[in-house]
């Protein structure tokens, strides 16, 4: 009887990582690359010389890469989502009526 040997996947619950970028930042970089391609095509079809198009695309692309890596370093894997969620939480809740806190006197809707 043959024995089967199975490899154990030890990174089963870890997020995807590519060249230092984790999780959603890989998608952000991919979206930036697609937008740069569209930007180059629009500039080329408008009639801007191709050397100028390439220079502008490279400069903007370097900025996109730097910004995505900076976000990844600052917030980490889930930090950007937590920061965006924190901005959605109201700072103050105002109530004009205290009847909400009393069971018997609560307004019926």
PDB file of N, CA and C in Angstrom:
ATOM      1  N   UNK A   1       0.831  -1.167   0.000  1.00  0.00           N
ATOM      2  CA  UNK A   1       0.000   0.000   0.000  1.00  0.00           C
ATOM      3  C   UNK A   1       0.884   1.242   0.000  1.00  0.00           C
ATOM      4  N   UNK A   2       0.551   2.191  -0.845  1.00  0.00           N
ATOM      5  CA  UNK A   2       1.325   3.434  -0.910  1.00  0.00           C
ATOM      6  C   UNK A   2       0.848   4.420   0.143  1.00  0.00           C
ATOM      7  N   UNK A   3       1.793   5.164   0.652  1.00  0.00           N
ATOM      8  CA  UNK A   3       1.414   6.227   1.586  1.00  0.00           C
ATOM      9  C   UNK A   3       1.438   7.550   0.845  1.00  0.00           C
ATOM     10  N   UNK A   4       0.462   8.364   1.116  1.00  0.00           N
ATOM     11  CA  UNK A   4       0.373   9.673   0.470  1.00  0.00           C
ATOM     12  C   UNK A   4       1.055  10.712   1.344  1.00  0.00           C
ATOM     13  N   UNK A   5       1.748  11.610   0.703  1.00  0.00           N
ATOM     14  CA  UNK A   5       2.398  12.701   1.423  1.00  0.00           C
ATOM     15  C   UNK A   5       1.754  13.995   0.969  1.00  0.00           C
ATOM     16  N   UNK A   6       1.211  14.723   1.928  1.00  0.00           N
ATOM     17  CA  UNK A   6       0.544  15.975   1.630  1.00  0.00           C
ATOM     18  C   UNK A   6       1.356  17.129   2.185  1.00  0.00           C
ATOM     19  N   UNK A   7       1.464  18.177   1.407  1.00  0.00           N
ATOM     20  CA  UNK A   7       2.118  19.379   1.904  1.00  0.00           C
ATOM     21  C   UNK A   7       1.119  20.183   2.707  1.00  0.00           C
ATOM     22  N   UNK A   8       1.585  20.735   3.799  1.00  0.00           N
ATOM     23  CA  UNK A   8       0.723  21.551   4.646  1.00  0.00           C
ATOM     24  C   UNK A   8       0.888  23.004   4.241  1.00  0.00           C
ATOM     25  N   UNK A   9      -0.227  23.674   3.975  1.00  0.00           N
ATOM     26  CA  UNK A   9      -0.195  25.086   3.636  1.00  0.00           C
ATOM     27  C   UNK A   9      -0.219  25.881   4.929  1.00  0.00           C
ATOM     28  N   UNK A  10       0.936  26.401   5.321  1.00  0.00           N
ATOM     29  CA  UNK A  10       1.029  27.090   6.609  1.00  0.00           C
ATOM     30  C   UNK A  10       0.575  28.538   6.541  1.00  0.00           C
ATOM     31  N   UNK A  11       0.375  29.080   5.365  1.00  0.00           N
ATOM     32  CA  UNK A  11      -0.045  30.463   5.238  1.00  0.00           C
ATOM     33  C   UNK A  11      -1.508  30.597   4.877  1.00  0.00           C
ATOM     34  N   UNK A  12      -2.321  29.681   5.359  1.00  0.00           N
ATOM     35  CA  UNK A  12      -3.710  29.622   4.914  1.00  0.00           C
ATOM     36  C   UNK A  12      -4.523  30.842   5.305  1.00  0.00           C
ATOM     37  N   UNK A  13      -4.276  31.436   6.466  1.00  0.00           N
ATOM     38  CA  UNK A  13      -5.074  32.578   6.902  1.00  0.00           C
ATOM     39  C   UNK A  13      -4.352  33.906   6.742  1.00  0.00           C
ATOM     40  N   UNK A  14      -3.194  33.890   6.154  1.00  0.00           N
ATOM     41  CA  UNK A  14      -2.461  35.136   5.974  1.00  0.00           C
ATOM     42  C   UNK A  14      -2.896  35.817   4.686  1.00  0.00           C
ATOM     43  N   UNK A  15      -2.787  37.121   4.669  1.00  0.00           N
ATOM     44  CA  UNK A  15      -3.190  37.865   3.475  1.00  0.00           C
ATOM     45  C   UNK A  15      -2.116  37.771   2.397  1.00  0.00           C
ATOM     46  N   UNK A  16      -2.513  38.102   1.193  1.00  0.00           N
ATOM     47  CA  UNK A  16      -1.596  38.081   0.059  1.00  0.00           C
ATOM     48  C   UNK A  16      -0.575  39.187   0.232  1.00  0.00           C
ATOM     49  N   UNK A  17       0.664  38.903  -0.123  1.00  0.00           N
ATOM     50  CA  UNK A  17       1.702  39.927  -0.067  1.00  0.00           C
ATOM     51  C   UNK A  17       2.509  39.866  -1.361  1.00  0.00           C
ATOM     52  N   UNK A  18       2.762  41.036  -1.939  1.00  0.00           N
ATOM     53  CA  UNK A  18       3.530  41.115  -3.176  1.00  0.00           C
ATOM     54  C   UNK A  18       4.487  42.291  -3.073  1.00  0.00           C
ATOM     55  N   UNK A  19       5.774  41.998  -3.027  1.00  0.00           N
ATOM     56  CA  UNK A  19       6.830  43.012  -2.971  1.00  0.00           C
ATOM     57  C   UNK A  19       6.603  44.034  -1.858  1.00  0.00           C
ATOM     58  N   UNK A  20       6.166  43.567  -0.690  1.00  0.00           N
ATOM     59  CA  UNK A  20       5.971  44.458   0.440  1.00  0.00           C
ATOM     60  C   UNK A  20       4.571  45.033   0.560  1.00  0.00           C
ATOM     61  N   UNK A  21       3.778  44.933  -0.482  1.00  0.00           N
ATOM     62  CA  UNK A  21       2.392  45.421  -0.420  1.00  0.00           C
ATOM     63  C   UNK A  21       1.502  44.300   0.091  1.00  0.00           C
ATOM     64  N   UNK A  22       0.597  44.651   0.983  1.00  0.00           N
ATOM     65  CA  UNK A  22      -0.306  43.647   1.534  1.00  0.00           C
ATOM     66  C   UNK A  22      -1.749  43.985   1.183  1.00  0.00           C
ATOM     67  N   UNK A  23      -2.542  42.946   1.090  1.00  0.00           N
ATOM     68  CA  UNK A  23      -3.997  43.014   0.981  1.00  0.00           C
ATOM     69  C   UNK A  23      -4.482  43.941  -0.120  1.00  0.00           C
ATOM     70  N   UNK A  24      -5.272  44.951   0.243  1.00  0.00           N
ATOM     71  CA  UNK A  24      -5.946  45.788  -0.745  1.00  0.00           C
ATOM     72  C   UNK A  24      -5.005  46.713  -1.492  1.00  0.00           C
ATOM     73  N   UNK A  25      -3.797  46.937  -0.982  1.00  0.00           N
ATOM     74  CA  UNK A  25      -2.876  47.858  -1.641  1.00  0.00           C
ATOM     75  C   UNK A  25      -2.396  47.314  -2.991  1.00  0.00           C
ATOM     76  N   UNK A  26      -2.395  45.998  -3.144  1.00  0.00           N
ATOM     77  CA  UNK A  26      -2.066  45.396  -4.442  1.00  0.00           C
ATOM     78  C   UNK A  26      -3.113  45.816  -5.471  1.00  0.00           C
ATOM     79  N   UNK A  27      -4.376  45.811  -5.057  1.00  0.00           N
ATOM     80  CA  UNK A  27      -5.454  46.232  -5.964  1.00  0.00           C
ATOM     81  C   UNK A  27      -5.356  47.720  -6.271  1.00  0.00           C
ATOM     82  N   UNK A  28      -4.995  48.518  -5.286  1.00  0.00           N
ATOM     83  CA  UNK A  28      -4.845  49.962  -5.524  1.00  0.00           C
ATOM     84  C   UNK A  28      -3.749  50.221  -6.545  1.00  0.00           C
ATOM     85  N   UNK A  29      -2.647  49.494  -6.435  1.00  0.00           N
ATOM     86  CA  UNK A  29      -1.551  49.669  -7.384  1.00  0.00           C
ATOM     87  C   UNK A  29      -1.955  49.217  -8.787  1.00  0.00           C
ATOM     88  N   UNK A  30      -2.731  48.138  -8.867  1.00  0.00           N
ATOM     89  CA  UNK A  30      -3.230  47.674 -10.165  1.00  0.00           C
ATOM     90  C   UNK A  30      -4.176  48.679 -10.798  1.00  0.00           C
ATOM     91  N   UNK A  31      -5.064  49.262  -9.992  1.00  0.00           N
ATOM     92  CA  UNK A  31      -5.981  50.284 -10.508  1.00  0.00           C
ATOM     93  C   UNK A  31      -5.206  51.515 -10.966  1.00  0.00           C
ATOM     94  N   UNK A  32      -4.161  51.870 -10.227  1.00  0.00           N
ATOM     95  CA  UNK A  32      -3.319  53.000 -10.634  1.00  0.00           C
ATOM     96  C   UNK A  32      -2.640  52.737 -11.965  1.00  0.00           C
ATOM     97  N   UNK A  33      -2.186  51.499 -12.187  1.00  0.00           N
ATOM     98  CA  UNK A  33      -1.539  51.151 -13.457  1.00  0.00           C
ATOM     99  C   UNK A  33      -2.526  51.244 -14.628  1.00  0.00           C
ATOM    100  N   UNK A  34      -3.752  50.783 -14.398  1.00  0.00           N
ATOM    101  CA  UNK A  34      -4.771  50.870 -15.448  1.00  0.00           C
ATOM    102  C   UNK A  34      -5.100  52.333 -15.761  1.00  0.00           C
ATOM    103  N   UNK A  35      -5.229  53.156 -14.717  1.00  0.00           N
ATOM    104  CA  UNK A  35      -5.499  54.582 -14.936  1.00  0.00           C
ATOM    105  C   UNK A  35      -4.350  55.278 -15.651  1.00  0.00           C
ATOM    106  N   UNK A  36      -3.120  54.868 -15.361  1.00  0.00           N
ATOM    107  CA  UNK A  36      -1.971  55.440 -16.073  1.00  0.00           C
ATOM    108  C   UNK A  36      -1.995  55.057 -17.554  1.00  0.00           C
ATOM    109  N   UNK A  37      -2.406  53.839 -17.842  1.00  0.00           N
ATOM    110  CA  UNK A  37      -2.520  53.407 -19.232  1.00  0.00           C
ATOM    111  C   UNK A  37      -3.568  54.235 -19.968  1.00  0.00           C
ATOM    112  N   UNK A  38      -4.693  54.466 -19.316  1.00  0.00           N
ATOM    113  CA  UNK A  38      -5.756  55.288 -19.908  1.00  0.00           C
ATOM    114  C   UNK A  38      -5.273  56.724 -20.084  1.00  0.00           C
ATOM    115  N   UNK A  39      -4.577  57.260 -19.084  1.00  0.00           N
ATOM    116  CA  UNK A  39      -4.026  58.616 -19.178  1.00  0.00           C
ATOM    117  C   UNK A  39      -3.081  58.753 -20.368  1.00  0.00           C
ATOM    118  N   UNK A  40      -2.197  57.767 -20.537  1.00  0.00           N
ATOM    119  CA  UNK A  40      -1.260  57.802 -21.663  1.00  0.00           C
ATOM    120  C   UNK A  40      -2.007  57.764 -22.997  1.00  0.00           C
ATOM    121  N   UNK A  41      -3.021  56.885 -23.085  1.00  0.00           N
ATOM    122  CA  UNK A  41      -3.767  56.766 -24.338  1.00  0.00           C
ATOM    123  C   UNK A  41      -4.502  58.063 -24.667  1.00  0.00           C
ATOM    124  N   UNK A  42      -5.106  58.699 -23.663  1.00  0.00           N
ATOM    125  CA  UNK A  42      -5.839  59.948 -23.897  1.00  0.00           C
ATOM    126  C   UNK A  42      -4.876  61.045 -24.347  1.00  0.00           C
ATOM    127  N   UNK A  43      -3.745  61.152 -23.672  1.00  0.00           N
ATOM    128  CA  UNK A  43      -2.768  62.184 -24.068  1.00  0.00           C
ATOM    129  C   UNK A  43      -2.243  61.939 -25.474  1.00  0.00           C
ATOM    130  N   UNK A  44      -2.012  60.669 -25.826  1.00  0.00           N
ATOM    131  CA  UNK A  44      -1.495  60.341 -27.157  1.00  0.00           C
ATOM    132  C   UNK A  44      -2.525  60.658 -28.239  1.00  0.00           C
ATOM    133  N   UNK A  45      -3.805  60.336 -27.982  1.00  0.00           N
ATOM    134  CA  UNK A  45      -4.850  60.603 -28.967  1.00  0.00           C
ATOM    135  C   UNK A  45      -5.146  62.087 -29.114  1.00  0.00           C
ATOM    136  N   UNK A  46      -4.920  62.849 -28.049  1.00  0.00           N
ATOM    137  CA  UNK A  46      -5.107  64.298 -28.141  1.00  0.00           C
ATOM    138  C   UNK A  46      -4.078  64.921 -29.078  1.00  0.00           C
ATOM    139  N   UNK A  47      -2.905  64.318 -29.135  1.00  0.00           N
ATOM    140  CA  UNK A  47      -1.885  64.827 -30.039  1.00  0.00           C
ATOM    141  C   UNK A  47      -0.632  65.314 -29.330  1.00  0.00           C
ATOM    142  N   UNK A  48      -0.522  65.045 -28.055  1.00  0.00           N
ATOM    143  CA  UNK A  48       0.687  65.411 -27.319  1.00  0.00           C
ATOM    144  C   UNK A  48       1.814  64.506 -27.804  1.00  0.00           C
ATOM    145  N   UNK A  49       3.011  65.038 -28.001  1.00  0.00           N
ATOM    146  CA  UNK A  49       4.134  64.196 -28.466  1.00  0.00           C
ATOM    147  C   UNK A  49       4.369  63.011 -27.519  1.00  0.00           C
ATOM    148  N   UNK A  50       4.739  61.871 -28.125  1.00  0.00           N
ATOM    149  CA  UNK A  50       4.849  60.652 -27.334  1.00  0.00           C
ATOM    150  C   UNK A  50       5.916  60.730 -26.244  1.00  0.00           C
ATOM    151  N   UNK A  51       6.988  61.448 -26.458  1.00  0.00           N
ATOM    152  CA  UNK A  51       8.011  61.578 -25.422  1.00  0.00           C
ATOM    153  C   UNK A  51       7.459  62.318 -24.206  1.00  0.00           C
ATOM    154  N   UNK A  52       6.682  63.355 -24.456  1.00  0.00           N
ATOM    155  CA  UNK A  52       6.058  64.090 -23.346  1.00  0.00           C
ATOM    156  C   UNK A  52       5.048  63.191 -22.631  1.00  0.00           C
ATOM    157  N   UNK A  53       4.292  62.396 -23.384  1.00  0.00           N
ATOM    158  CA  UNK A  53       3.329  61.464 -22.780  1.00  0.00           C
ATOM    159  C   UNK A  53       4.042  60.464 -21.868  1.00  0.00           C
ATOM    160  N   UNK A  54       5.150  59.940 -22.343  1.00  0.00           N
ATOM    161  CA  UNK A  54       5.901  58.963 -21.548  1.00  0.00           C
ATOM    162  C   UNK A  54       6.450  59.611 -20.282  1.00  0.00           C
ATOM    163  N   UNK A  55       7.010  60.804 -20.409  1.00  0.00           N
ATOM    164  CA  UNK A  55       7.579  61.490 -19.242  1.00  0.00           C
ATOM    165  C   UNK A  55       6.495  61.774 -18.199  1.00  0.00           C
ATOM    166  N   UNK A  56       5.354  62.291 -18.651  1.00  0.00           N
ATOM    167  CA  UNK A  56       4.252  62.581 -17.716  1.00  0.00           C
ATOM    168  C   UNK A  56       3.755  61.295 -17.057  1.00  0.00           C
ATOM    169  N   UNK A  57       3.610  60.233 -17.848  1.00  0.00           N
ATOM    170  CA  UNK A  57       3.130  58.963 -17.309  1.00  0.00           C
ATOM    171  C   UNK A  57       4.108  58.388 -16.290  1.00  0.00           C
ATOM    172  N   UNK A  58       5.394  58.475 -16.552  1.00  0.00           N
ATOM    173  CA  UNK A  58       6.396  57.951 -15.621  1.00  0.00           C
ATOM    174  C   UNK A  58       6.394  58.754 -14.319  1.00  0.00           C
ATOM    175  N   UNK A  59       6.299  60.077 -14.421  1.00  0.00           N
ATOM    176  CA  UNK A  59       6.290  60.910 -13.214  1.00  0.00           C
ATOM    177  C   UNK A  59       5.043  60.643 -12.377  1.00  0.00           C
ATOM    178  N   UNK A  60       3.877  60.612 -13.011  1.00  0.00           N
ATOM    179  CA  UNK A  60       2.636  60.335 -12.284  1.00  0.00           C
ATOM    180  C   UNK A  60       2.654  58.904 -11.731  1.00  0.00           C
ATOM    181  N   UNK A  61       3.184  57.959 -12.504  1.00  0.00           N
ATOM    182  CA  UNK A  61       3.292  56.571 -12.046  1.00  0.00           C
ATOM    183  C   UNK A  61       4.186  56.432 -10.831  1.00  0.00           C
ATOM    184  N   UNK A  62       5.290  57.160 -10.817  1.00  0.00           N
ATOM    185  CA  UNK A  62       6.167  57.132  -9.645  1.00  0.00           C
ATOM    186  C   UNK A  62       5.443  57.693  -8.421  1.00  0.00           C
ATOM    187  N   UNK A  63       4.647  58.728  -8.633  1.00  0.00           N
ATOM    188  CA  UNK A  63       3.864  59.287  -7.529  1.00  0.00           C
ATOM    189  C   UNK A  63       2.829  58.306  -7.004  1.00  0.00           C
ATOM    190  N   UNK A  64       2.168  57.590  -7.917  1.00  0.00           N
ATOM    191  CA  UNK A  64       1.165  56.596  -7.505  1.00  0.00           C
ATOM    192  C   UNK A  64       1.820  55.477  -6.705  1.00  0.00           C
ATOM    193  N   UNK A  65       2.944  54.976  -7.190  1.00  0.00           N
ATOM    194  CA  UNK A  65       3.650  53.898  -6.488  1.00  0.00           C
ATOM    195  C   UNK A  65       4.110  54.366  -5.111  1.00  0.00           C
ATOM    196  N   UNK A  66       4.667  55.572  -5.042  1.00  0.00           N
ATOM    197  CA  UNK A  66       5.133  56.102  -3.761  1.00  0.00           C
ATOM    198  C   UNK A  66       3.970  56.270  -2.782  1.00  0.00           C
ATOM    199  N   UNK A  67       2.837  56.765  -3.269  1.00  0.00           N
ATOM    200  CA  UNK A  67       1.679  56.973  -2.396  1.00  0.00           C
ATOM    201  C   UNK A  67       1.111  55.649  -1.883  1.00  0.00           C
ATOM    202  N   UNK A  68       1.024  54.642  -2.754  1.00  0.00           N
ATOM    203  CA  UNK A  68       0.491  53.345  -2.345  1.00  0.00           C
ATOM    204  C   UNK A  68       1.417  52.690  -1.324  1.00  0.00           C
ATOM    205  N   UNK A  69       2.732  52.753  -1.552  1.00  0.00           N
ATOM    206  CA  UNK A  69       3.669  52.191  -0.580  1.00  0.00           C
ATOM    207  C   UNK A  69       3.619  52.968   0.735  1.00  0.00           C
ATOM    208  N   UNK A  70       3.425  54.280   0.673  1.00  0.00           N
ATOM    209  CA  UNK A  70       3.324  55.075   1.898  1.00  0.00           C
ATOM    210  C   UNK A  70       2.061  54.706   2.683  1.00  0.00           C
ATOM    211  N   UNK A  71       0.936  54.516   1.993  1.00  0.00           N
ATOM    212  CA  UNK A  71      -0.293  54.082   2.657  1.00  0.00           C
ATOM    213  C   UNK A  71      -0.121  52.700   3.286  1.00  0.00           C
ATOM    214  N   UNK A  72       0.550  51.805   2.563  1.00  0.00           N
ATOM    215  CA  UNK A  72       0.778  50.462   3.081  1.00  0.00           C
ATOM    216  C   UNK A  72       1.655  50.494   4.325  1.00  0.00           C
ATOM    217  N   UNK A  73       2.679  51.338   4.307  1.00  0.00           N
ATOM    218  CA  UNK A  73       3.566  51.433   5.471  1.00  0.00           C
ATOM    219  C   UNK A  73       2.879  52.108   6.648  1.00  0.00           C
ATOM    220  N   UNK A  74       2.053  53.117   6.385  1.00  0.00           N
ATOM    221  CA  UNK A  74       1.417  53.869   7.463  1.00  0.00           C
ATOM    222  C   UNK A  74       0.288  53.094   8.125  1.00  0.00           C
ATOM    223  N   UNK A  75      -0.595  52.507   7.331  1.00  0.00           N
ATOM    224  CA  UNK A  75      -1.798  51.897   7.864  1.00  0.00           C
ATOM    225  C   UNK A  75      -1.726  50.375   7.991  1.00  0.00           C
ATOM    226  N   UNK A  76      -0.858  49.719   7.267  1.00  0.00           N
ATOM    227  CA  UNK A  76      -0.770  48.264   7.352  1.00  0.00           C
ATOM    228  C   UNK A  76      -1.911  47.573   6.631  1.00  0.00           C
ATOM    229  N   UNK A  77      -2.129  46.338   7.023  1.00  0.00           N
ATOM    230  CA  UNK A  77      -3.073  45.492   6.294  1.00  0.00           C
ATOM    231  C   UNK A  77      -4.517  45.962   6.398  1.00  0.00           C
ATOM    232  N   UNK A  78      -4.983  46.279   7.598  1.00  0.00           N
ATOM    233  CA  UNK A  78      -6.382  46.661   7.778  1.00  0.00           C
ATOM    234  C   UNK A  78      -6.552  48.095   8.262  1.00  0.00           C
ATOM    235  N   UNK A  79      -5.481  48.811   8.461  1.00  0.00           N
ATOM    236  CA  UNK A  79      -5.552  50.128   9.072  1.00  0.00           C
ATOM    237  C   UNK A  79      -6.276  51.168   8.245  1.00  0.00           C
ATOM    238  N   UNK A  80      -6.146  51.123   6.926  1.00  0.00           N
ATOM    239  CA  UNK A  80      -6.815  52.107   6.077  1.00  0.00           C
ATOM    240  C   UNK A  80      -8.327  51.932   6.151  1.00  0.00           C
ATOM    241  N   UNK A  81      -8.785  50.697   6.159  1.00  0.00           N
ATOM    242  CA  UNK A  81     -10.224  50.455   6.289  1.00  0.00           C
ATOM    243  C   UNK A  81     -10.730  50.932   7.652  1.00  0.00           C
ATOM    244  N   UNK A  82      -9.934  50.713   8.705  1.00  0.00           N
ATOM    245  CA  UNK A  82     -10.325  51.179  10.034  1.00  0.00           C
ATOM    246  C   UNK A  82     -10.356  52.702  10.091  1.00  0.00           C
ATOM    247  N   UNK A  83      -9.409  53.348   9.446  1.00  0.00           N
ATOM    248  CA  UNK A  83      -9.373  54.813   9.430  1.00  0.00           C
ATOM    249  C   UNK A  83     -10.582  55.373   8.687  1.00  0.00           C
ATOM    250  N   UNK A  84     -10.932  54.772   7.555  1.00  0.00           N
ATOM    251  CA  UNK A  84     -12.110  55.219   6.806  1.00  0.00           C
ATOM    252  C   UNK A  84     -13.388  54.962   7.598  1.00  0.00           C
ATOM    253  N   UNK A  85     -13.453  53.850   8.330  1.00  0.00           N
ATOM    254  CA  UNK A  85     -14.628  53.559   9.154  1.00  0.00           C
ATOM    255  C   UNK A  85     -14.724  54.534  10.321  1.00  0.00           C
ATOM    256  N   UNK A  86     -13.581  54.921  10.889  1.00  0.00           N
ATOM    257  CA  UNK A  86     -13.569  55.858  12.014  1.00  0.00           C
ATOM    258  C   UNK A  86     -14.130  57.212  11.600  1.00  0.00           C
ATOM    259  N   UNK A  87     -13.919  57.597  10.347  1.00  0.00           N
ATOM    260  CA  UNK A  87     -14.437  58.880   9.871  1.00  0.00           C
ATOM    261  C   UNK A  87     -15.956  58.853   9.701  1.00  0.00           C
ATOM    262  N   UNK A  88     -16.546  57.660   9.599  1.00  0.00           N
ATOM    263  CA  UNK A  88     -17.989  57.537   9.422  1.00  0.00           C
ATOM    264  C   UNK A  88     -18.753  57.627  10.744  1.00  0.00           C
ATOM    265  N   UNK A  89     -18.053  57.451  11.853  1.00  0.00           N
ATOM    266  CA  UNK A  89     -18.708  57.482  13.159  1.00  0.00           C
ATOM    267  C   UNK A  89     -18.978  58.931  13.542  1.00  0.00           C
ATOM    268  N   UNK A  90     -20.212  59.253  13.935  1.00  0.00           N
ATOM    269  CA  UNK A  90     -20.512  60.644  14.304  1.00  0.00           C
ATOM    270  C   UNK A  90     -19.799  61.034  15.600  1.00  0.00           C
ATOM    271  N   UNK A  91     -19.378  62.282  15.672  1.00  0.00           N
ATOM    272  CA  UNK A  91     -18.681  62.776  16.856  1.00  0.00           C
ATOM    273  C   UNK A  91     -19.658  63.065  17.993  1.00  0.00           C
ATOM    274  N   UNK A  92     -20.872  63.492  17.657  1.00  0.00           N
ATOM    275  CA  UNK A  92     -21.865  63.855  18.660  1.00  0.00           C
ATOM    276  C   UNK A  92     -23.223  63.309  18.223  1.00  0.00           C
ATOM    277  N   UNK A  93     -23.983  62.808  19.201  1.00  0.00           N
ATOM    278  CA  UNK A  93     -25.363  62.395  18.942  1.00  0.00           C
ATOM    279  C   UNK A  93     -26.253  63.329  19.740  1.00  0.00           C
ATOM    280  N   UNK A  94     -27.142  64.026  19.060  1.00  0.00           N
ATOM    281  CA  UNK A  94     -28.015  64.981  19.725  1.00  0.00           C
ATOM    282  C   UNK A  94     -29.426  64.407  19.818  1.00  0.00           C
ATOM    283  N   UNK A  95     -29.985  64.480  21.024  1.00  0.00           N
ATOM    284  CA  UNK A  95     -31.361  64.064  21.251  1.00  0.00           C
ATOM    285  C   UNK A  95     -32.137  65.250  21.796  1.00  0.00           C
ATOM    286  N   UNK A  96     -33.311  65.482  21.245  1.00  0.00           N
ATOM    287  CA  UNK A  96     -34.145  66.579  21.729  1.00  0.00           C
ATOM    288  C   UNK A  96     -35.159  66.095  22.751  1.00  0.00           C
ATOM    289  N   UNK A  97     -35.300  64.769  22.863  1.00  0.00           N
ATOM    290  CA  UNK A  97     -36.308  64.213  23.738  1.00  0.00           C
ATOM    291  C   UNK A  97     -35.691  63.063  24.534  1.00  0.00           C
ATOM    292  N   UNK A  98     -35.912  63.037  25.844  1.00  0.00           N
ATOM    293  CA  UNK A  98     -35.337  62.000  26.691  1.00  0.00           C
ATOM    294  C   UNK A  98     -36.222  60.773  26.803  1.00  0.00           C
ATOM    295  N   UNK A  99     -37.330  60.751  26.133  1.00  0.00           N
ATOM    296  CA  UNK A  99     -38.261  59.631  26.258  1.00  0.00           C
ATOM    297  C   UNK A  99     -37.673  58.325  25.735  1.00  0.00           C
ATOM    298  N   UNK A 100     -36.654  58.388  24.983  1.00  0.00           N
ATOM    299  CA  UNK A 100     -35.994  57.194  24.475  1.00  0.00           C
ATOM    300  C   UNK A 100     -35.446  56.349  25.620  1.00  0.00           C
ATOM    301  N   UNK A 101     -35.059  56.982  26.714  1.00  0.00           N
ATOM    302  CA  UNK A 101     -34.433  56.285  27.829  1.00  0.00           C
ATOM    303  C   UNK A 101     -35.432  55.762  28.858  1.00  0.00           C
ATOM    304  N   UNK A 102     -36.692  56.060  28.698  1.00  0.00           N
ATOM    305  CA  UNK A 102     -37.705  55.606  29.633  1.00  0.00           C
ATOM    306  C   UNK A 102     -38.600  54.597  28.949  1.00  0.00           C
ATOM    307  N   UNK A 103     -38.776  53.420  29.574  1.00  0.00           N
ATOM    308  CA  UNK A 103     -39.559  52.350  28.955  1.00  0.00           C
ATOM    309  C   UNK A 103     -41.034  52.700  28.850  1.00  0.00           C
ATOM    310  N   UNK A 104     -41.620  53.134  29.904  1.00  0.00           N
ATOM    311  CA  UNK A 104     -43.054  53.376  29.919  1.00  0.00           C
ATOM    312  C   UNK A 104     -43.472  54.579  29.091  1.00  0.00           C
ATOM    313  N   UNK A 105     -42.622  55.567  28.964  1.00  0.00           N
ATOM    314  CA  UNK A 105     -42.986  56.803  28.280  1.00  0.00           C
ATOM    315  C   UNK A 105     -42.471  56.887  26.852  1.00  0.00           C
ATOM    316  N   UNK A 106     -41.975  55.764  26.331  1.00  0.00           N
ATOM    317  CA  UNK A 106     -41.411  55.789  24.978  1.00  0.00           C
ATOM    318  C   UNK A 106     -42.493  56.067  23.949  1.00  0.00           C
ATOM    319  N   UNK A 107     -42.155  56.867  22.976  1.00  0.00           N
ATOM    320  CA  UNK A 107     -43.105  57.185  21.903  1.00  0.00           C
ATOM    321  C   UNK A 107     -43.293  55.969  21.022  1.00  0.00           C
ATOM    322  N   UNK A 108     -44.518  55.701  20.680  1.00  0.00           N
ATOM    323  CA  UNK A 108     -44.815  54.563  19.813  1.00  0.00           C
ATOM    324  C   UNK A 108     -44.931  55.063  18.385  1.00  0.00           C
ATOM    325  N   UNK A 109     -44.284  54.330  17.527  1.00  0.00           N
ATOM    326  CA  UNK A 109     -44.295  54.729  16.113  1.00  0.00           C
ATOM    327  C   UNK A 109     -45.192  53.826  15.318  1.00  0.00           C
TER     328      UNK A 109
END
